[in-house]
N, C-alpha and C. Protein backbone atom coordinates (compact mmCIF):
# COMPACT_ATOMS: atom_id res chain seq x y z
N MET A 1 0.83 -1.20 0.00
CA MET A 1 0.00 0.00 0.00
C MET A 1 0.87 1.26 0.00
N ARG A 2 2.02 1.23 0.70
CA ARG A 2 2.89 2.42 0.72
C ARG A 2 3.33 2.79 -0.69
N ASP A 3 3.78 1.80 -1.46
CA ASP A 3 4.25 2.09 -2.82
C ASP A 3 3.12 2.65 -3.68
N ARG A 4 1.94 2.09 -3.51
CA ARG A 4 0.78 2.56 -4.27
C ARG A 4 0.47 4.02 -3.92
N LEU A 5 0.50 4.34 -2.64
CA LEU A 5 0.23 5.71 -2.21
C LEU A 5 1.28 6.68 -2.74
N ILE A 6 2.54 6.33 -2.61
CA ILE A 6 3.61 7.21 -3.08
C ILE A 6 3.47 7.47 -4.57
N ALA A 7 3.12 6.44 -5.33
CA ALA A 7 2.92 6.60 -6.78
C ALA A 7 1.73 7.50 -7.08
N GLU A 8 0.67 7.39 -6.31
CA GLU A 8 -0.55 8.19 -6.53
C GLU A 8 -0.37 9.65 -6.13
N LEU A 9 0.40 9.91 -5.09
CA LEU A 9 0.41 11.23 -4.47
C LEU A 9 1.33 12.24 -5.13
N GLY A 10 2.30 11.83 -5.87
CA GLY A 10 3.18 12.79 -6.51
C GLY A 10 4.36 13.17 -5.65
N ALA A 11 5.22 13.96 -6.24
CA ALA A 11 6.51 14.26 -5.62
C ALA A 11 6.41 15.42 -4.62
N VAL A 12 7.02 15.20 -3.47
CA VAL A 12 7.27 16.23 -2.47
C VAL A 12 8.66 15.95 -1.91
N ARG A 13 9.18 16.84 -1.11
CA ARG A 13 10.55 16.68 -0.61
C ARG A 13 10.75 15.35 0.12
N TYR A 14 9.82 15.02 1.01
CA TYR A 14 9.90 13.76 1.77
C TYR A 14 8.76 12.85 1.32
N GLU A 15 8.84 12.39 0.08
CA GLU A 15 7.72 11.63 -0.49
C GLU A 15 7.47 10.31 0.23
N GLY A 16 8.45 9.76 0.89
CA GLY A 16 8.27 8.51 1.61
C GLY A 16 7.68 8.68 3.00
N PHE A 17 7.44 9.92 3.42
CA PHE A 17 6.84 10.16 4.72
C PHE A 17 5.36 10.45 4.51
N LEU A 18 4.53 9.46 4.81
CA LEU A 18 3.09 9.52 4.54
C LEU A 18 2.32 9.92 5.79
N VAL A 19 1.45 10.92 5.65
CA VAL A 19 0.58 11.34 6.75
C VAL A 19 -0.86 11.26 6.27
N TYR A 20 -1.61 10.36 6.88
CA TYR A 20 -3.01 10.14 6.56
C TYR A 20 -3.85 11.12 7.35
N LEU A 21 -4.50 12.06 6.65
CA LEU A 21 -5.38 13.04 7.27
C LEU A 21 -6.81 12.53 7.21
N MET A 22 -7.44 12.44 8.35
CA MET A 22 -8.81 11.94 8.41
C MET A 22 -9.71 13.00 9.03
N GLY A 23 -10.89 13.12 8.48
CA GLY A 23 -11.88 14.05 9.01
C GLY A 23 -13.17 13.88 8.26
N PRO A 24 -14.25 14.48 8.75
CA PRO A 24 -15.53 14.34 8.06
C PRO A 24 -15.55 15.18 6.80
N TYR A 25 -15.73 14.55 5.66
CA TYR A 25 -15.90 15.32 4.44
C TYR A 25 -17.00 14.79 3.56
N THR A 26 -17.79 13.87 4.08
CA THR A 26 -19.02 13.45 3.42
C THR A 26 -20.05 13.19 4.51
N THR A 27 -21.32 13.28 4.13
CA THR A 27 -22.37 12.95 5.08
C THR A 27 -23.04 11.67 4.63
N PHE A 28 -23.69 11.05 5.56
CA PHE A 28 -24.47 9.86 5.23
C PHE A 28 -25.62 9.77 6.20
N GLU A 29 -26.62 9.00 5.85
CA GLU A 29 -27.77 8.78 6.71
C GLU A 29 -27.54 7.49 7.47
N VAL A 30 -27.51 7.55 8.78
CA VAL A 30 -27.22 6.39 9.60
C VAL A 30 -28.20 5.26 9.33
N THR A 31 -29.47 5.59 9.07
CA THR A 31 -30.46 4.53 8.82
C THR A 31 -30.13 3.73 7.57
N ASP A 32 -29.34 4.29 6.67
CA ASP A 32 -28.92 3.53 5.48
C ASP A 32 -28.03 2.35 5.85
N LEU A 33 -27.45 2.36 7.04
CA LEU A 33 -26.57 1.28 7.47
C LEU A 33 -27.33 0.12 8.11
N LEU A 34 -28.63 0.31 8.36
CA LEU A 34 -29.43 -0.74 8.99
C LEU A 34 -29.77 -1.83 7.99
N PRO A 35 -29.90 -3.07 8.45
CA PRO A 35 -30.36 -4.14 7.56
C PRO A 35 -31.74 -3.81 7.01
N ASP A 36 -32.05 -4.29 5.81
CA ASP A 36 -33.31 -3.98 5.15
C ASP A 36 -34.53 -4.30 6.00
N GLU A 37 -34.46 -5.37 6.77
CA GLU A 37 -35.62 -5.81 7.54
C GLU A 37 -35.82 -5.01 8.83
N THR A 38 -34.93 -4.08 9.14
CA THR A 38 -35.02 -3.31 10.38
C THR A 38 -35.80 -2.03 10.16
N ASP A 39 -36.78 -1.80 11.01
CA ASP A 39 -37.57 -0.57 10.96
C ASP A 39 -36.76 0.54 11.63
N PRO A 40 -36.41 1.60 10.89
CA PRO A 40 -35.60 2.67 11.48
C PRO A 40 -36.23 3.30 12.73
N GLU A 41 -37.56 3.27 12.81
CA GLU A 41 -38.24 3.83 13.97
C GLU A 41 -38.01 3.00 15.23
N SER A 42 -37.59 1.74 15.04
CA SER A 42 -37.42 0.85 16.18
C SER A 42 -36.05 0.98 16.85
N VAL A 43 -35.16 1.76 16.25
CA VAL A 43 -33.82 1.93 16.81
C VAL A 43 -33.57 3.41 17.04
N SER A 44 -32.84 3.69 18.10
CA SER A 44 -32.49 5.07 18.40
C SER A 44 -31.07 5.32 17.90
N LEU A 45 -30.99 6.07 16.82
CA LEU A 45 -29.68 6.37 16.24
C LEU A 45 -29.52 7.87 16.08
N PRO A 46 -28.33 8.39 16.33
CA PRO A 46 -28.10 9.81 16.08
C PRO A 46 -28.01 10.08 14.59
N SER A 47 -28.21 11.30 14.23
CA SER A 47 -28.05 11.68 12.83
C SER A 47 -26.58 11.89 12.54
N ALA A 48 -26.16 11.53 11.34
CA ALA A 48 -24.78 11.80 10.94
C ALA A 48 -24.78 12.86 9.84
N GLN A 49 -25.85 13.63 9.78
CA GLN A 49 -25.97 14.67 8.77
C GLN A 49 -25.36 15.96 9.30
N ALA A 50 -24.82 16.71 8.42
CA ALA A 50 -24.35 18.05 8.76
C ALA A 50 -24.73 18.94 7.60
N ASP A 51 -24.76 20.20 7.85
CA ASP A 51 -25.07 21.17 6.83
C ASP A 51 -24.11 21.01 5.65
N SER A 52 -24.64 20.98 4.43
CA SER A 52 -23.77 20.73 3.26
C SER A 52 -22.71 21.81 3.11
N LYS A 53 -23.01 23.05 3.49
CA LYS A 53 -21.99 24.10 3.42
C LYS A 53 -20.86 23.82 4.41
N ALA A 54 -21.23 23.32 5.59
CA ALA A 54 -20.21 22.99 6.60
C ALA A 54 -19.33 21.84 6.12
N ILE A 55 -19.94 20.84 5.48
CA ILE A 55 -19.18 19.71 4.94
C ILE A 55 -18.24 20.19 3.84
N ASP A 56 -18.75 21.03 2.94
CA ASP A 56 -17.90 21.56 1.86
C ASP A 56 -16.73 22.34 2.44
N GLU A 57 -16.99 23.14 3.46
CA GLU A 57 -15.91 23.91 4.09
C GLU A 57 -14.90 22.99 4.77
N MET A 58 -15.38 21.92 5.38
CA MET A 58 -14.46 20.97 6.02
C MET A 58 -13.57 20.32 4.98
N GLN A 59 -14.12 19.96 3.83
CA GLN A 59 -13.29 19.37 2.79
C GLN A 59 -12.25 20.38 2.30
N ARG A 60 -12.67 21.62 2.14
CA ARG A 60 -11.69 22.65 1.74
C ARG A 60 -10.62 22.82 2.81
N ARG A 61 -11.03 22.77 4.09
CA ARG A 61 -10.05 22.89 5.18
C ARG A 61 -9.06 21.73 5.14
N LEU A 62 -9.55 20.52 4.96
CA LEU A 62 -8.66 19.36 4.87
C LEU A 62 -7.67 19.54 3.73
N ARG A 63 -8.15 20.04 2.59
CA ARG A 63 -7.26 20.25 1.44
C ARG A 63 -6.23 21.34 1.73
N ARG A 64 -6.64 22.39 2.43
CA ARG A 64 -5.68 23.45 2.76
C ARG A 64 -4.62 22.93 3.73
N VAL A 65 -5.04 22.17 4.72
CA VAL A 65 -4.09 21.56 5.66
C VAL A 65 -3.14 20.65 4.89
N GLN A 66 -3.69 19.83 4.02
CA GLN A 66 -2.88 18.92 3.20
C GLN A 66 -1.85 19.71 2.39
N GLY A 67 -2.30 20.74 1.70
CA GLY A 67 -1.40 21.54 0.87
C GLY A 67 -0.31 22.20 1.68
N SER A 68 -0.66 22.69 2.85
CA SER A 68 0.32 23.34 3.72
C SER A 68 1.39 22.35 4.16
N LEU A 69 0.98 21.14 4.54
CA LEU A 69 1.94 20.13 4.99
C LEU A 69 2.80 19.60 3.85
N ARG A 70 2.22 19.54 2.65
CA ARG A 70 3.00 19.09 1.49
C ARG A 70 4.07 20.13 1.15
N ALA A 71 3.78 21.41 1.42
CA ALA A 71 4.76 22.47 1.16
C ALA A 71 5.80 22.56 2.28
N ASP A 72 5.35 22.50 3.53
CA ASP A 72 6.25 22.63 4.67
C ASP A 72 5.71 21.77 5.80
N PRO A 73 6.35 20.69 6.12
CA PRO A 73 7.74 20.33 5.88
C PRO A 73 8.01 19.55 4.58
N GLY A 74 7.04 19.39 3.72
CA GLY A 74 7.28 18.69 2.45
C GLY A 74 6.99 17.20 2.52
N ILE A 75 5.95 16.84 3.27
CA ILE A 75 5.61 15.42 3.44
C ILE A 75 4.40 15.08 2.57
N ASN A 76 4.18 13.80 2.39
CA ASN A 76 3.08 13.31 1.57
C ASN A 76 1.81 13.17 2.41
N ALA A 77 1.18 14.30 2.70
CA ALA A 77 -0.11 14.29 3.40
C ALA A 77 -1.19 13.93 2.38
N PHE A 78 -2.16 13.11 2.82
CA PHE A 78 -3.20 12.67 1.88
C PHE A 78 -4.50 12.38 2.61
N LEU A 79 -5.58 12.41 1.84
CA LEU A 79 -6.90 11.97 2.30
C LEU A 79 -7.17 10.60 1.69
N ALA A 80 -8.10 9.88 2.24
CA ALA A 80 -8.41 8.54 1.74
C ALA A 80 -8.78 8.58 0.26
N ILE A 81 -9.49 9.61 -0.17
CA ILE A 81 -9.92 9.67 -1.57
C ILE A 81 -8.74 9.86 -2.52
N ASP A 82 -7.60 10.31 -2.03
CA ASP A 82 -6.41 10.47 -2.87
C ASP A 82 -5.77 9.14 -3.24
N ALA A 83 -6.08 8.10 -2.48
CA ALA A 83 -5.46 6.80 -2.72
C ALA A 83 -6.01 6.11 -3.97
N ASN A 84 -7.17 6.58 -4.43
CA ASN A 84 -7.81 6.02 -5.63
C ASN A 84 -8.01 4.51 -5.54
N VAL A 85 -8.48 4.05 -4.38
CA VAL A 85 -8.81 2.64 -4.20
C VAL A 85 -10.33 2.52 -4.32
N PRO A 86 -10.82 1.88 -5.38
CA PRO A 86 -12.28 1.76 -5.54
C PRO A 86 -12.91 0.94 -4.42
N LEU A 87 -14.11 1.33 -4.02
CA LEU A 87 -14.82 0.59 -2.97
C LEU A 87 -15.11 -0.84 -3.39
N GLU A 88 -15.18 -1.09 -4.69
CA GLU A 88 -15.39 -2.45 -5.18
C GLU A 88 -14.15 -3.31 -4.90
N GLU A 89 -13.00 -2.67 -4.81
CA GLU A 89 -11.75 -3.38 -4.53
C GLU A 89 -11.55 -3.58 -3.03
N MET A 90 -11.94 -2.56 -2.24
CA MET A 90 -11.73 -2.63 -0.79
C MET A 90 -12.75 -1.71 -0.11
N ASN A 91 -13.48 -2.22 0.87
CA ASN A 91 -14.49 -1.40 1.54
C ASN A 91 -13.83 -0.26 2.32
N ALA A 92 -14.62 0.75 2.66
CA ALA A 92 -14.10 1.97 3.27
C ALA A 92 -13.42 1.71 4.62
N ALA A 93 -14.00 0.83 5.44
CA ALA A 93 -13.40 0.55 6.75
C ALA A 93 -12.03 -0.09 6.60
N THR A 94 -11.92 -1.06 5.71
CA THR A 94 -10.64 -1.73 5.48
C THR A 94 -9.63 -0.76 4.88
N GLN A 95 -10.10 0.10 3.96
CA GLN A 95 -9.21 1.12 3.39
C GLN A 95 -8.60 1.98 4.49
N SER A 96 -9.43 2.46 5.41
CA SER A 96 -8.92 3.33 6.48
C SER A 96 -7.84 2.64 7.28
N ILE A 97 -8.07 1.38 7.62
CA ILE A 97 -7.08 0.64 8.41
C ILE A 97 -5.80 0.43 7.62
N LYS A 98 -5.91 0.03 6.36
CA LYS A 98 -4.71 -0.23 5.55
C LYS A 98 -3.95 1.06 5.25
N LEU A 99 -4.66 2.15 5.01
CA LEU A 99 -3.99 3.43 4.77
C LEU A 99 -3.25 3.88 6.04
N ALA A 100 -3.87 3.68 7.19
CA ALA A 100 -3.21 4.04 8.46
C ALA A 100 -1.97 3.19 8.68
N ARG A 101 -2.06 1.90 8.40
CA ARG A 101 -0.90 1.01 8.57
C ARG A 101 0.26 1.43 7.66
N ALA A 102 -0.05 1.92 6.49
CA ALA A 102 0.98 2.30 5.52
C ALA A 102 1.62 3.65 5.85
N SER A 103 1.00 4.41 6.73
CA SER A 103 1.42 5.78 6.99
C SER A 103 2.41 5.89 8.14
N ASN A 104 3.25 6.90 8.04
CA ASN A 104 4.17 7.21 9.13
C ASN A 104 3.43 7.85 10.30
N ALA A 105 2.36 8.58 9.99
CA ALA A 105 1.56 9.23 11.02
C ALA A 105 0.12 9.32 10.53
N VAL A 106 -0.80 9.32 11.49
CA VAL A 106 -2.22 9.47 11.21
C VAL A 106 -2.74 10.63 12.04
N VAL A 107 -3.48 11.52 11.39
CA VAL A 107 -4.05 12.67 12.08
C VAL A 107 -5.56 12.69 11.85
N PHE A 108 -6.32 12.65 12.93
CA PHE A 108 -7.77 12.80 12.88
C PHE A 108 -8.08 14.26 13.18
N ILE A 109 -8.84 14.90 12.31
CA ILE A 109 -9.26 16.28 12.54
C ILE A 109 -10.76 16.25 12.83
N VAL A 110 -11.13 16.70 14.02
CA VAL A 110 -12.52 16.65 14.44
C VAL A 110 -13.02 18.07 14.70
N PRO A 111 -13.78 18.62 13.76
CA PRO A 111 -14.34 19.96 13.93
C PRO A 111 -15.67 19.90 14.68
N GLN A 112 -16.17 21.06 15.07
CA GLN A 112 -17.54 21.13 15.58
C GLN A 112 -18.44 21.14 14.36
N LEU A 113 -18.91 19.99 13.99
CA LEU A 113 -19.64 19.84 12.73
C LEU A 113 -20.78 18.86 12.94
N GLY A 114 -21.80 19.26 13.65
CA GLY A 114 -22.93 18.36 13.86
C GLY A 114 -22.47 17.10 14.57
N ASP A 115 -23.11 15.99 14.29
CA ASP A 115 -22.74 14.71 14.87
C ASP A 115 -21.60 14.11 14.06
N ASN A 116 -20.61 13.61 14.74
CA ASN A 116 -19.43 13.02 14.09
C ASN A 116 -19.42 11.50 14.24
N LEU A 117 -20.59 10.86 14.07
CA LEU A 117 -20.68 9.42 14.26
C LEU A 117 -19.74 8.67 13.33
N GLY A 118 -19.73 9.03 12.05
CA GLY A 118 -18.86 8.34 11.09
C GLY A 118 -17.40 8.50 11.45
N VAL A 119 -17.01 9.69 11.86
CA VAL A 119 -15.63 9.94 12.26
C VAL A 119 -15.30 9.13 13.50
N GLY A 120 -16.24 9.08 14.45
CA GLY A 120 -16.01 8.32 15.68
C GLY A 120 -15.79 6.85 15.41
N MET A 121 -16.59 6.29 14.49
CA MET A 121 -16.42 4.87 14.16
C MET A 121 -15.08 4.65 13.49
N GLU A 122 -14.70 5.56 12.60
CA GLU A 122 -13.43 5.43 11.89
C GLU A 122 -12.25 5.56 12.86
N ILE A 123 -12.32 6.53 13.74
CA ILE A 123 -11.27 6.72 14.73
C ILE A 123 -11.09 5.47 15.57
N GLY A 124 -12.19 4.94 16.07
CA GLY A 124 -12.13 3.75 16.92
C GLY A 124 -11.53 2.55 16.21
N SER A 125 -11.93 2.32 14.96
CA SER A 125 -11.41 1.14 14.25
C SER A 125 -9.93 1.29 13.94
N VAL A 126 -9.51 2.48 13.54
CA VAL A 126 -8.09 2.69 13.23
C VAL A 126 -7.25 2.64 14.50
N LEU A 127 -7.70 3.29 15.56
CA LEU A 127 -6.93 3.26 16.81
C LEU A 127 -6.82 1.85 17.37
N GLU A 128 -7.90 1.10 17.32
CA GLU A 128 -7.86 -0.27 17.84
C GLU A 128 -6.86 -1.10 17.05
N ASP A 129 -6.81 -0.90 15.73
CA ASP A 129 -5.87 -1.64 14.90
C ASP A 129 -4.42 -1.22 15.18
N ARG A 130 -4.20 0.05 15.45
CA ARG A 130 -2.85 0.57 15.63
C ARG A 130 -2.30 0.37 17.04
N TYR A 131 -3.15 0.12 18.01
CA TYR A 131 -2.72 0.03 19.40
C TYR A 131 -2.05 -1.31 19.66
N PRO A 132 -0.95 -1.37 20.43
CA PRO A 132 -0.25 -0.25 21.05
C PRO A 132 0.87 0.32 20.18
N ASP A 133 1.29 -0.42 19.16
CA ASP A 133 2.49 -0.02 18.41
C ASP A 133 2.36 1.31 17.67
N GLY A 134 1.18 1.65 17.20
CA GLY A 134 1.02 2.87 16.42
C GLY A 134 0.50 4.06 17.19
N ALA A 135 0.32 3.91 18.49
CA ALA A 135 -0.26 5.00 19.29
C ALA A 135 0.59 6.27 19.22
N ASP A 136 1.90 6.13 19.25
CA ASP A 136 2.78 7.30 19.19
C ASP A 136 2.66 8.05 17.87
N ARG A 137 2.21 7.39 16.86
CA ARG A 137 2.13 7.97 15.52
C ARG A 137 0.74 8.55 15.22
N THR A 138 -0.10 8.68 16.24
CA THR A 138 -1.49 9.08 16.04
C THR A 138 -1.80 10.36 16.81
N LEU A 139 -2.43 11.31 16.12
CA LEU A 139 -2.85 12.57 16.73
C LEU A 139 -4.33 12.79 16.44
N LEU A 140 -5.08 13.17 17.45
CA LEU A 140 -6.46 13.58 17.27
C LEU A 140 -6.52 15.06 17.60
N ALA A 141 -6.78 15.87 16.59
CA ALA A 141 -6.88 17.33 16.77
C ALA A 141 -8.35 17.70 16.72
N HIS A 142 -8.86 18.27 17.81
CA HIS A 142 -10.28 18.62 17.85
C HIS A 142 -10.44 20.11 18.04
N GLU A 143 -11.48 20.62 17.42
CA GLU A 143 -11.77 22.04 17.54
C GLU A 143 -12.04 22.37 19.00
N ALA A 144 -11.49 23.48 19.46
CA ALA A 144 -11.70 23.91 20.85
C ALA A 144 -13.19 24.01 21.12
N GLY A 145 -13.58 23.57 22.29
CA GLY A 145 -14.99 23.62 22.66
C GLY A 145 -15.70 22.29 22.53
N ILE A 146 -15.11 21.35 21.81
CA ILE A 146 -15.71 20.03 21.72
C ILE A 146 -15.40 19.28 23.00
N SER A 147 -16.43 18.76 23.62
CA SER A 147 -16.20 17.93 24.80
C SER A 147 -16.93 16.62 24.59
N SER A 148 -16.26 15.55 24.92
CA SER A 148 -16.84 14.23 24.72
C SER A 148 -16.09 13.24 25.60
N ALA A 149 -16.83 12.30 26.15
CA ALA A 149 -16.18 11.24 26.91
C ALA A 149 -15.26 10.43 26.01
N MET A 150 -15.59 10.37 24.72
CA MET A 150 -14.77 9.62 23.77
C MET A 150 -13.37 10.23 23.66
N LEU A 151 -13.26 11.55 23.74
CA LEU A 151 -11.94 12.18 23.67
C LEU A 151 -11.06 11.70 24.81
N GLY A 152 -11.60 11.65 26.01
CA GLY A 152 -10.84 11.12 27.14
C GLY A 152 -10.51 9.66 26.97
N GLY A 153 -11.43 8.93 26.37
CA GLY A 153 -11.22 7.51 26.13
C GLY A 153 -10.09 7.24 25.15
N VAL A 154 -9.89 8.16 24.23
CA VAL A 154 -8.82 7.99 23.24
C VAL A 154 -7.46 7.91 23.92
N THR A 155 -7.24 8.76 24.92
CA THR A 155 -5.95 8.70 25.62
C THR A 155 -5.90 7.55 26.61
N THR A 156 -7.02 7.27 27.26
CA THR A 156 -7.04 6.18 28.24
C THR A 156 -6.94 4.82 27.58
N ARG A 157 -7.74 4.59 26.56
CA ARG A 157 -7.80 3.27 25.92
C ARG A 157 -6.63 3.03 24.98
N TRP A 158 -6.31 4.04 24.15
CA TRP A 158 -5.33 3.82 23.08
C TRP A 158 -4.04 4.62 23.25
N ASN A 159 -3.94 5.46 24.25
CA ASN A 159 -2.73 6.23 24.51
C ASN A 159 -2.35 7.15 23.34
N ALA A 160 -3.34 7.57 22.58
CA ALA A 160 -3.07 8.49 21.47
C ALA A 160 -3.03 9.93 21.99
N ARG A 161 -2.36 10.76 21.25
CA ARG A 161 -2.23 12.17 21.63
C ARG A 161 -3.46 12.95 21.16
N ILE A 162 -3.91 13.86 22.00
CA ILE A 162 -5.04 14.72 21.66
C ILE A 162 -4.61 16.16 21.84
N THR A 163 -5.02 17.01 20.90
CA THR A 163 -4.74 18.43 21.03
C THR A 163 -5.92 19.23 20.52
N PRO A 164 -6.28 20.31 21.21
CA PRO A 164 -7.32 21.19 20.69
C PRO A 164 -6.71 22.21 19.73
N TYR A 165 -7.56 22.78 18.88
CA TYR A 165 -7.11 23.87 18.02
C TYR A 165 -8.20 24.94 17.99
N ASP A 166 -7.76 26.20 17.86
CA ASP A 166 -8.69 27.32 17.84
C ASP A 166 -9.12 27.71 16.44
N ASP A 167 -8.18 27.65 15.51
CA ASP A 167 -8.48 28.04 14.14
C ASP A 167 -7.58 27.24 13.20
N GLU A 168 -7.70 27.50 11.92
CA GLU A 168 -6.95 26.71 10.94
C GLU A 168 -5.45 26.88 11.08
N THR A 169 -4.99 28.08 11.36
CA THR A 169 -3.56 28.31 11.54
C THR A 169 -3.03 27.50 12.71
N ASP A 170 -3.77 27.52 13.81
CA ASP A 170 -3.41 26.75 14.99
C ASP A 170 -3.40 25.25 14.67
N LEU A 171 -4.41 24.80 13.93
CA LEU A 171 -4.49 23.39 13.53
C LEU A 171 -3.27 22.97 12.73
N ILE A 172 -2.91 23.76 11.74
CA ILE A 172 -1.76 23.44 10.89
C ILE A 172 -0.47 23.43 11.73
N ASP A 173 -0.32 24.40 12.61
CA ASP A 173 0.88 24.43 13.47
C ASP A 173 0.96 23.19 14.36
N GLU A 174 -0.15 22.80 14.96
CA GLU A 174 -0.17 21.61 15.82
C GLU A 174 0.20 20.36 15.04
N ILE A 175 -0.37 20.21 13.85
CA ILE A 175 -0.08 19.03 13.04
C ILE A 175 1.36 19.05 12.56
N ARG A 176 1.83 20.20 12.11
CA ARG A 176 3.21 20.31 11.63
C ARG A 176 4.20 19.94 12.75
N ASN A 177 3.98 20.45 13.95
CA ASN A 177 4.86 20.11 15.08
C ASN A 177 4.84 18.61 15.35
N PHE A 178 3.67 18.00 15.31
CA PHE A 178 3.54 16.56 15.52
C PHE A 178 4.30 15.79 14.45
N VAL A 179 4.12 16.18 13.20
CA VAL A 179 4.77 15.49 12.08
C VAL A 179 6.29 15.60 12.19
N VAL A 180 6.79 16.79 12.48
CA VAL A 180 8.24 16.98 12.61
C VAL A 180 8.78 16.14 13.76
N GLU A 181 8.04 16.04 14.85
CA GLU A 181 8.47 15.19 15.97
C GLU A 181 8.58 13.73 15.53
N ILE A 182 7.59 13.24 14.79
CA ILE A 182 7.62 11.84 14.33
C ILE A 182 8.78 11.64 13.36
N MET A 183 8.99 12.59 12.46
CA MET A 183 10.12 12.50 11.53
C MET A 183 11.44 12.42 12.29
N THR A 184 11.60 13.28 13.28
CA THR A 184 12.84 13.31 14.08
C THR A 184 13.02 12.01 14.86
N ARG A 185 11.95 11.52 15.44
CA ARG A 185 12.04 10.26 16.20
C ARG A 185 12.36 9.09 15.28
N GLU A 186 11.87 9.12 14.04
CA GLU A 186 12.22 8.05 13.10
C GLU A 186 13.69 8.13 12.72
N GLN A 187 14.19 9.34 12.52
CA GLN A 187 15.56 9.50 12.06
C GLN A 187 16.58 9.34 13.18
N PHE A 188 16.28 9.87 14.37
CA PHE A 188 17.28 9.90 15.43
C PHE A 188 16.85 9.24 16.73
N GLY A 189 15.62 8.81 16.82
CA GLY A 189 15.11 8.38 18.11
C GLY A 189 14.60 6.96 18.17
N ASP A 190 13.47 6.82 18.83
CA ASP A 190 12.96 5.52 19.22
C ASP A 190 11.90 4.92 18.30
N LEU A 191 11.61 5.55 17.17
CA LEU A 191 10.62 4.99 16.25
C LEU A 191 11.30 4.39 15.03
N GLU A 192 10.90 3.19 14.69
CA GLU A 192 11.41 2.53 13.48
C GLU A 192 10.92 3.29 12.25
N PRO A 193 11.80 3.60 11.32
CA PRO A 193 11.34 4.22 10.07
C PRO A 193 10.41 3.27 9.32
N LYS A 194 9.45 3.84 8.63
CA LYS A 194 8.52 3.04 7.82
C LYS A 194 9.16 2.72 6.50
């Protein structure tokens, strides 16, 4: 998967340093996930819908963060959709896990954007797969003001790093510092290079 990603993503200064950026950039209806024979009224499920303008802005934010990281420090930051792996070839959950395994670092970006059920499920599956060996390589950056028992659980259960951010500049700075730390630890410290 690493070779496939590097080939898909194009040239940057540190093309072999892959950073998987995860965040909500599509909406879905939770009831669509229920088996056909299940009456949606019989189950209590939160909505995973968000305002389409907010989703569009989140995708633009992810792309701006990606572009900034590709420029400085020059790493191969990518979103799952950049991998060009058709869902017919590999389902979305498996893609997330395999992309995370192939990456030097994984960053979850959690904005205040309605219900983040899909992001929560993705975070949990990737963290569970990466724990304990990949915990050091994982950052969850959440917009300031978000409070959730799940955020505390991320550090308790999986020992992943969590950081709040106030705005996009702060978000990029936090991620850049994290990425540079992982790069340094791979080159001179206690992390095996990928």
